[in-house]
PDB file of N, CA and C in Angstrom:
ATOM      1  N   MET A   1      -9.068 -17.823 138.316  1.00  0.00           N
ATOM      2  CA  MET A   1      -9.550 -16.675 137.567  1.00  0.00           C
ATOM      3  C   MET A   1     -11.043 -16.497 137.819  1.00  0.00           C
ATOM      4  N   LYS A   2     -11.410 -15.323 138.243  1.00  0.00           N
ATOM      5  CA  LYS A   2     -12.804 -15.045 138.545  1.00  0.00           C
ATOM      6  C   LYS A   2     -13.509 -14.551 137.276  1.00  0.00           C
ATOM      7  N   THR A   3     -14.582 -15.216 136.949  1.00  0.00           N
ATOM      8  CA  THR A   3     -15.367 -14.775 135.806  1.00  0.00           C
ATOM      9  C   THR A   3     -16.668 -14.191 136.321  1.00  0.00           C
ATOM     10  N   SER A   4     -17.067 -13.107 135.734  1.00  0.00           N
ATOM     11  CA  SER A   4     -18.316 -12.480 136.153  1.00  0.00           C
ATOM     12  C   SER A   4     -19.427 -12.899 135.201  1.00  0.00           C
ATOM     13  N   ASP A   5     -20.602 -12.990 135.745  1.00  0.00           N
ATOM     14  CA  ASP A   5     -21.775 -13.324 134.958  1.00  0.00           C
ATOM     15  C   ASP A   5     -22.599 -12.044 134.802  1.00  0.00           C
ATOM     16  N   PRO A   6     -22.676 -11.487 133.594  1.00  0.00           N
ATOM     17  CA  PRO A   6     -23.384 -10.212 133.417  1.00  0.00           C
ATOM     18  C   PRO A   6     -24.849 -10.276 133.822  1.00  0.00           C
ATOM     19  N   PHE A   7     -25.503 -11.424 133.609  1.00  0.00           N
ATOM     20  CA  PHE A   7     -26.917 -11.528 133.968  1.00  0.00           C
ATOM     21  C   PHE A   7     -27.087 -11.548 135.488  1.00  0.00           C
ATOM     22  N   ARG A   8     -26.195 -12.264 136.191  1.00  0.00           N
ATOM     23  CA  ARG A   8     -26.241 -12.285 137.653  1.00  0.00           C
ATOM     24  C   ARG A   8     -25.948 -10.883 138.194  1.00  0.00           C
ATOM     25  N   ASP A   9     -24.959 -10.218 137.616  1.00  0.00           N
ATOM     26  CA  ASP A   9     -24.635  -8.855 138.049  1.00  0.00           C
ATOM     27  C   ASP A   9     -25.812  -7.913 137.829  1.00  0.00           C
ATOM     28  N   THR A  10     -26.536  -8.100 136.742  1.00  0.00           N
ATOM     29  CA  THR A  10     -27.706  -7.262 136.461  1.00  0.00           C
ATOM     30  C   THR A  10     -28.797  -7.493 137.497  1.00  0.00           C
ATOM     31  N   VAL A  11     -29.044  -8.753 137.850  1.00  0.00           N
ATOM     32  CA  VAL A  11     -30.062  -9.055 138.867  1.00  0.00           C
ATOM     33  C   VAL A  11     -29.636  -8.496 140.218  1.00  0.00           C
ATOM     34  N   TYR A  12     -28.349  -8.601 140.558  1.00  0.00           N
ATOM     35  CA  TYR A  12     -27.863  -8.018 141.811  1.00  0.00           C
ATOM     36  C   TYR A  12     -28.044  -6.499 141.806  1.00  0.00           C
ATOM     37  N   TRP A  13     -27.767  -5.871 140.673  1.00  0.00           N
ATOM     38  CA  TRP A  13     -27.936  -4.415 140.578  1.00  0.00           C
ATOM     39  C   TRP A  13     -29.408  -4.050 140.740  1.00  0.00           C
ATOM     40  N   LEU A  14     -30.290  -4.814 140.074  1.00  0.00           N
ATOM     41  CA  LEU A  14     -31.724  -4.543 140.205  1.00  0.00           C
ATOM     42  C   LEU A  14     -32.181  -4.703 141.653  1.00  0.00           C
ATOM     43  N   ALA A  15     -31.674  -5.733 142.334  1.00  0.00           N
ATOM     44  CA  ALA A  15     -32.059  -5.959 143.731  1.00  0.00           C
ATOM     45  C   ALA A  15     -31.558  -4.824 144.620  1.00  0.00           C
ATOM     46  N   ALA A  16     -30.366  -4.320 144.351  1.00  0.00           N
ATOM     47  CA  ALA A  16     -29.790  -3.273 145.189  1.00  0.00           C
ATOM     48  C   ALA A  16     -30.395  -1.901 144.934  1.00  0.00           C
ATOM     49  N   HIS A  17     -30.706  -1.605 143.672  1.00  0.00           N
ATOM     50  CA  HIS A  17     -31.116  -0.243 143.322  1.00  0.00           C
ATOM     51  C   HIS A  17     -32.589  -0.091 142.963  1.00  0.00           C
ATOM     52  N   ALA A  18     -33.239  -1.159 142.564  1.00  0.00           N
ATOM     53  CA  ALA A  18     -34.633  -1.043 142.129  1.00  0.00           C
ATOM     54  C   ALA A  18     -35.565  -1.934 142.949  1.00  0.00           C
ATOM     55  N   TRP A  19     -35.070  -2.500 144.045  1.00  0.00           N
ATOM     56  CA  TRP A  19     -35.845  -3.350 144.943  1.00  0.00           C
ATOM     57  C   TRP A  19     -36.502  -4.522 144.211  1.00  0.00           C
ATOM     58  N   PHE A  20     -35.752  -5.072 143.256  1.00  0.00           N
ATOM     59  CA  PHE A  20     -36.234  -6.226 142.497  1.00  0.00           C
ATOM     60  C   PHE A  20     -36.180  -7.452 143.397  1.00  0.00           C
ATOM     61  N   PRO A  21     -37.106  -8.340 143.408  1.00  0.00           N
ATOM     62  CA  PRO A  21     -38.305  -8.507 142.603  1.00  0.00           C
ATOM     63  C   PRO A  21     -39.565  -7.929 143.225  1.00  0.00           C
ATOM     64  N   ALA A  22     -39.453  -7.248 144.392  1.00  0.00           N
ATOM     65  CA  ALA A  22     -40.646  -6.684 145.019  1.00  0.00           C
ATOM     66  C   ALA A  22     -41.300  -5.640 144.116  1.00  0.00           C
ATOM     67  N   THR A  23     -40.476  -4.831 143.465  1.00  0.00           N
ATOM     68  CA  THR A  23     -40.998  -3.868 142.491  1.00  0.00           C
ATOM     69  C   THR A  23     -40.264  -4.099 141.180  1.00  0.00           C
ATOM     70  N   ARG A  24     -40.902  -3.728 140.118  1.00  0.00           N
ATOM     71  CA  ARG A  24     -40.318  -3.934 138.792  1.00  0.00           C
ATOM     72  C   ARG A  24     -40.157  -2.594 138.096  1.00  0.00           C
ATOM     73  N   LEU A  25     -39.171  -2.523 137.229  1.00  0.00           N
ATOM     74  CA  LEU A  25     -39.016  -1.353 136.374  1.00  0.00           C
ATOM     75  C   LEU A  25     -40.016  -1.454 135.240  1.00  0.00           C
ATOM     76  N   GLU A  26     -40.065  -0.414 134.428  1.00  0.00           N
ATOM     77  CA  GLU A  26     -40.897  -0.497 133.230  1.00  0.00           C
ATOM     78  C   GLU A  26     -40.370  -1.607 132.335  1.00  0.00           C
ATOM     79  N   ARG A  27     -41.248  -2.158 131.532  1.00  0.00           N
ATOM     80  CA  ARG A  27     -40.867  -3.279 130.665  1.00  0.00           C
ATOM     81  C   ARG A  27     -39.705  -2.909 129.756  1.00  0.00           C
ATOM     82  N   ARG A  28     -39.746  -1.702 129.162  1.00  0.00           N
ATOM     83  CA  ARG A  28     -38.662  -1.293 128.254  1.00  0.00           C
ATOM     84  C   ARG A  28     -37.343  -1.097 128.988  1.00  0.00           C
ATOM     85  N   ALA A  29     -37.400  -0.602 130.233  1.00  0.00           N
ATOM     86  CA  ALA A  29     -36.181  -0.413 131.014  1.00  0.00           C
ATOM     87  C   ALA A  29     -35.547  -1.759 131.352  1.00  0.00           C
ATOM     88  N   GLU A  30     -36.367  -2.731 131.740  1.00  0.00           N
ATOM     89  CA  GLU A  30     -35.838  -4.064 132.024  1.00  0.00           C
ATOM     90  C   GLU A  30     -35.271  -4.703 130.763  1.00  0.00           C
ATOM     91  N   LEU A  31     -35.944  -4.513 129.643  1.00  0.00           N
ATOM     92  CA  LEU A  31     -35.450  -5.055 128.381  1.00  0.00           C
ATOM     93  C   LEU A  31     -34.108  -4.436 128.018  1.00  0.00           C
ATOM     94  N   LEU A  32     -33.967  -3.144 128.229  1.00  0.00           N
ATOM     95  CA  LEU A  32     -32.709  -2.465 127.943  1.00  0.00           C
ATOM     96  C   LEU A  32     -31.573  -3.004 128.813  1.00  0.00           C
ATOM     97  N   LEU A  33     -31.856  -3.225 130.094  1.00  0.00           N
ATOM     98  CA  LEU A  33     -30.836  -3.795 130.978  1.00  0.00           C
ATOM     99  C   LEU A  33     -30.450  -5.208 130.543  1.00  0.00           C
ATOM    100  N   CYS A  34     -31.435  -6.000 130.146  1.00  0.00           N
ATOM    101  CA  CYS A  34     -31.145  -7.367 129.696  1.00  0.00           C
ATOM    102  C   CYS A  34     -30.333  -7.360 128.396  1.00  0.00           C
ATOM    103  N   LEU A  35     -30.650  -6.464 127.494  1.00  0.00           N
ATOM    104  CA  LEU A  35     -29.883  -6.370 126.245  1.00  0.00           C
ATOM    105  C   LEU A  35     -28.451  -5.914 126.521  1.00  0.00           C
ATOM    106  N   ALA A  36     -28.278  -4.999 127.463  1.00  0.00           N
ATOM    107  CA  ALA A  36     -26.930  -4.566 127.821  1.00  0.00           C
ATOM    108  C   ALA A  36     -26.134  -5.726 128.421  1.00  0.00           C
ATOM    109  N   ALA A  37     -26.786  -6.529 129.265  1.00  0.00           N
ATOM    110  CA  ALA A  37     -26.113  -7.693 129.849  1.00  0.00           C
ATOM    111  C   ALA A  37     -25.767  -8.702 128.761  1.00  0.00           C
ATOM    112  N   LEU A  38     -26.646  -8.858 127.790  1.00  0.00           N
ATOM    113  CA  LEU A  38     -26.380  -9.770 126.682  1.00  0.00           C
ATOM    114  C   LEU A  38     -25.186  -9.291 125.860  1.00  0.00           C
ATOM    115  N   ALA A  39     -25.090  -7.989 125.639  1.00  0.00           N
ATOM    116  CA  ALA A  39     -23.955  -7.447 124.892  1.00  0.00           C
ATOM    117  C   ALA A  39     -22.653  -7.663 125.650  1.00  0.00           C
ATOM    118  N   VAL A  40     -22.674  -7.457 126.950  1.00  0.00           N
ATOM    119  CA  VAL A  40     -21.472  -7.684 127.759  1.00  0.00           C
ATOM    120  C   VAL A  40     -21.086  -9.153 127.725  1.00  0.00           C
ATOM    121  N   ALA A  41     -22.076 -10.039 127.822  1.00  0.00           N
ATOM    122  CA  ALA A  41     -21.796 -11.475 127.779  1.00  0.00           C
ATOM    123  C   ALA A  41     -21.198 -11.868 126.432  1.00  0.00           C
ATOM    124  N   GLY A  42     -21.681 -11.270 125.366  1.00  0.00           N
ATOM    125  CA  GLY A  42     -21.144 -11.560 124.036  1.00  0.00           C
ATOM    126  C   GLY A  42     -19.708 -11.097 123.896  1.00  0.00           C
ATOM    127  N   ASN A  43     -19.395  -9.932 124.452  1.00  0.00           N
ATOM    128  CA  ASN A  43     -18.022  -9.422 124.391  1.00  0.00           C
ATOM    129  C   ASN A  43     -17.083 -10.260 125.240  1.00  0.00           C
ATOM    130  N   GLU A  44     -17.559 -10.698 126.398  1.00  0.00           N
ATOM    131  CA  GLU A  44     -16.717 -11.512 127.268  1.00  0.00           C
ATOM    132  C   GLU A  44     -16.482 -12.902 126.684  1.00  0.00           C
ATOM    133  N   ALA A  45     -17.412 -13.370 125.869  1.00  0.00           N
ATOM    134  CA  ALA A  45     -17.279 -14.702 125.282  1.00  0.00           C
ATOM    135  C   ALA A  45     -16.264 -14.707 124.144  1.00  0.00           C
ATOM    136  N   GLY A  46     -15.748 -13.560 123.800  1.00  0.00           N
ATOM    137  CA  GLY A  46     -14.738 -13.484 122.746  1.00  0.00           C
ATOM    138  C   GLY A  46     -15.342 -13.454 121.357  1.00  0.00           C
ATOM    139  N   SER A  47     -16.548 -12.977 121.258  1.00  0.00           N
ATOM    140  CA  SER A  47     -17.204 -12.902 119.961  1.00  0.00           C
ATOM    141  C   SER A  47     -16.510 -11.848 119.112  1.00  0.00           C
ATOM    142  N   ALA A  48     -15.876 -12.276 118.018  1.00  0.00           N
ATOM    143  CA  ALA A  48     -15.149 -11.347 117.160  1.00  0.00           C
ATOM    144  C   ALA A  48     -16.026 -10.818 116.035  1.00  0.00           C
ATOM    145  N   LEU A  49     -17.259 -11.271 115.936  1.00  0.00           N
ATOM    146  CA  LEU A  49     -18.125 -10.861 114.842  1.00  0.00           C
ATOM    147  C   LEU A  49     -18.371  -9.356 114.815  1.00  0.00           C
ATOM    148  N   PRO A  50     -18.749  -8.694 115.918  1.00  0.00           N
ATOM    149  CA  PRO A  50     -18.972  -7.249 115.829  1.00  0.00           C
ATOM    150  C   PRO A  50     -17.706  -6.486 115.446  1.00  0.00           C
ATOM    151  N   LEU A  51     -16.555  -6.900 115.964  1.00  0.00           N
ATOM    152  CA  LEU A  51     -15.318  -6.212 115.625  1.00  0.00           C
ATOM    153  C   LEU A  51     -14.967  -6.434 114.157  1.00  0.00           C
ATOM    154  N   THR A  52     -15.171  -7.642 113.663  1.00  0.00           N
ATOM    155  CA  THR A  52     -14.881  -7.937 112.269  1.00  0.00           C
ATOM    156  C   THR A  52     -15.801  -7.141 111.352  1.00  0.00           C
ATOM    157  N   ALA A  53     -17.078  -7.107 111.677  1.00  0.00           N
ATOM    158  CA  ALA A  53     -18.032  -6.358 110.855  1.00  0.00           C
ATOM    159  C   ALA A  53     -17.704  -4.870 110.879  1.00  0.00           C
ATOM    160  N   ALA A  54     -17.332  -4.354 112.042  1.00  0.00           N
ATOM    161  CA  ALA A  54     -16.983  -2.940 112.134  1.00  0.00           C
ATOM    162  C   ALA A  54     -15.721  -2.656 111.321  1.00  0.00           C
ATOM    163  N   ARG A  55     -14.764  -3.562 111.378  1.00  0.00           N
ATOM    164  CA  ARG A  55     -13.524  -3.373 110.614  1.00  0.00           C
ATOM    165  C   ARG A  55     -13.799  -3.411 109.118  1.00  0.00           C
ATOM    166  N   GLN A  56     -14.653  -4.326 108.671  1.00  0.00           N
ATOM    167  CA  GLN A  56     -14.990  -4.404 107.254  1.00  0.00           C
ATOM    168  C   GLN A  56     -15.704  -3.135 106.805  1.00  0.00           C
ATOM    169  N   ALA A  57     -16.599  -2.620 107.634  1.00  0.00           N
ATOM    170  CA  ALA A  57     -17.305  -1.390 107.290  1.00  0.00           C
ATOM    171  C   ALA A  57     -16.334  -0.214 107.211  1.00  0.00           C
ATOM    172  N   GLN A  58     -15.375  -0.165 108.135  1.00  0.00           N
ATOM    173  CA  GLN A  58     -14.397   0.918 108.113  1.00  0.00           C
ATOM    174  C   GLN A  58     -13.516   0.824 106.867  1.00  0.00           C
ATOM    175  N   ASP A  59     -13.089  -0.382 106.513  1.00  0.00           N
ATOM    176  CA  ASP A  59     -12.265  -0.555 105.310  1.00  0.00           C
ATOM    177  C   ASP A  59     -13.030  -0.147 104.061  1.00  0.00           C
ATOM    178  N   ALA A  60     -14.303  -0.534 103.984  1.00  0.00           N
ATOM    179  CA  ALA A  60     -15.120  -0.169 102.827  1.00  0.00           C
ATOM    180  C   ALA A  60     -15.289   1.349 102.736  1.00  0.00           C
ATOM    181  N   ALA A  61     -15.487   1.993 103.877  1.00  0.00           N
ATOM    182  CA  ALA A  61     -15.636   3.454 103.884  1.00  0.00           C
ATOM    183  C   ALA A  61     -14.339   4.134 103.442  1.00  0.00           C
ATOM    184  N   LEU A  62     -13.195   3.618 103.876  1.00  0.00           N
ATOM    185  CA  LEU A  62     -11.921   4.201 103.461  1.00  0.00           C
ATOM    186  C   LEU A  62     -11.674   4.003 101.965  1.00  0.00           C
ATOM    187  N   ARG A  63     -12.030   2.824 101.443  1.00  0.00           N
ATOM    188  CA  ARG A  63     -11.873   2.598 100.000  1.00  0.00           C
ATOM    189  C   ARG A  63     -12.772   3.534  99.198  1.00  0.00           C
ATOM    190  N   ALA A  64     -14.002   3.714  99.638  1.00  0.00           N
ATOM    191  CA  ALA A  64     -14.926   4.615  98.940  1.00  0.00           C
ATOM    192  C   ALA A  64     -14.419   6.053  99.003  1.00  0.00           C
ATOM    193  N   HIS A  65     -13.889   6.445 100.148  1.00  0.00           N
ATOM    194  CA  HIS A  65     -13.348   7.804 100.293  1.00  0.00           C
ATOM    195  C   HIS A  65     -12.152   8.010  99.359  1.00  0.00           C
ATOM    196  N   ALA A  66     -11.265   7.024  99.284  1.00  0.00           N
ATOM    197  CA  ALA A  66     -10.102   7.132  98.394  1.00  0.00           C
ATOM    198  C   ALA A  66     -10.540   7.203  96.933  1.00  0.00           C
ATOM    199  N   LEU A  67     -11.569   6.442  96.574  1.00  0.00           N
ATOM    200  CA  LEU A  67     -12.075   6.482  95.199  1.00  0.00           C
ATOM    201  C   LEU A  67     -12.645   7.861  94.871  1.00  0.00           C
ATOM    202  N   ARG A  68     -13.439   8.410  95.799  1.00  0.00           N
ATOM    203  CA  ARG A  68     -14.008   9.750  95.555  1.00  0.00           C
ATOM    204  C   ARG A  68     -12.915  10.805  95.449  1.00  0.00           C
ATOM    205  N   ARG A  69     -11.886  10.695  96.279  1.00  0.00           N
ATOM    206  CA  ARG A  69     -10.779  11.663  96.197  1.00  0.00           C
ATOM    207  C   ARG A  69     -10.043  11.547  94.877  1.00  0.00           C
ATOM    208  N   SER A  70      -9.824  10.310  94.413  1.00  0.00           N
ATOM    209  CA  SER A  70      -9.099  10.144  93.154  1.00  0.00           C
ATOM    210  C   SER A  70      -9.909  10.690  91.984  1.00  0.00           C
ATOM    211  N   GLN A  71     -11.223  10.577  92.042  1.00  0.00           N
ATOM    212  CA  GLN A  71     -12.052  11.109  90.967  1.00  0.00           C
ATOM    213  C   GLN A  71     -12.136  12.624  91.032  1.00  0.00           C
ATOM    214  N   ALA A  72     -12.132  13.181  92.217  1.00  0.00           N
ATOM    215  CA  ALA A  72     -12.245  14.626  92.368  1.00  0.00           C
ATOM    216  C   ALA A  72     -10.960  15.331  91.942  1.00  0.00           C
ATOM    217  N   HIS A  73      -9.818  14.676  92.071  1.00  0.00           N
ATOM    218  CA  HIS A  73      -8.544  15.295  91.757  1.00  0.00           C
ATOM    219  C   HIS A  73      -8.011  14.877  90.391  1.00  0.00           C
ATOM    220  N   PHE A  74      -8.895  14.375  89.553  1.00  0.00           N
ATOM    221  CA  PHE A  74      -8.487  14.001  88.204  1.00  0.00           C
ATOM    222  C   PHE A  74      -8.134  15.270  87.442  1.00  0.00           C
ATOM    223  N   LYS A  75      -6.964  15.291  86.852  1.00  0.00           N
ATOM    224  CA  LYS A  75      -6.532  16.481  86.118  1.00  0.00           C
ATOM    225  C   LYS A  75      -6.766  16.251  84.635  1.00  0.00           C
ATOM    226  N   CYS A  76      -7.447  17.174  84.054  1.00  0.00           N
ATOM    227  CA  CYS A  76      -7.763  17.089  82.638  1.00  0.00           C
ATOM    228  C   CYS A  76      -6.806  18.003  81.875  1.00  0.00           C
ATOM    229  N   ASP A  77      -6.266  17.487  80.815  1.00  0.00           N
ATOM    230  CA  ASP A  77      -5.362  18.288  79.987  1.00  0.00           C
ATOM    231  C   ASP A  77      -6.198  18.907  78.875  1.00  0.00           C
ATOM    232  N   ASN A  78      -6.417  20.187  78.957  1.00  0.00           N
ATOM    233  CA  ASN A  78      -7.260  20.871  77.986  1.00  0.00           C
ATOM    234  C   ASN A  78      -6.470  21.472  76.828  1.00  0.00           C
ATOM    235  N   SER A  79      -5.194  21.162  76.757  1.00  0.00           N
ATOM    236  CA  SER A  79      -4.410  21.731  75.659  1.00  0.00           C
ATOM    237  C   SER A  79      -4.801  21.027  74.355  1.00  0.00           C
ATOM    238  N   VAL A  80      -4.772  21.776  73.309  1.00  0.00           N
ATOM    239  CA  VAL A  80      -5.143  21.243  72.013  1.00  0.00           C
ATOM    240  C   VAL A  80      -3.876  21.060  71.187  1.00  0.00           C
ATOM    241  N   ASN A  81      -3.638  19.867  70.774  1.00  0.00           N
ATOM    242  CA  ASN A  81      -2.490  19.582  69.908  1.00  0.00           C
ATOM    243  C   ASN A  81      -3.000  19.490  68.478  1.00  0.00           C
ATOM    244  N   VAL A  82      -2.603  20.456  67.700  1.00  0.00           N
ATOM    245  CA  VAL A  82      -3.062  20.467  66.312  1.00  0.00           C
ATOM    246  C   VAL A  82      -1.938  20.054  65.388  1.00  0.00           C
TER     247      VAL A  82
END
């Protein structure tokens, strides 16, 4: 099974497209590429934390939405029983 290394792939891409290390990109551009490689490495490592956090946030949003709907559709009986 072939495993790819996101950081090695990033350096290869920089060498092919940005003539790295002879020339460098802007500091923020290089940082962005490194962060993207880090995110890919985290996903490949099987990190379930982002998916779990996203799922918890989605569940909380659905519960809040259901609560707001139930409050908005509350029917009040205005009849007077004397």
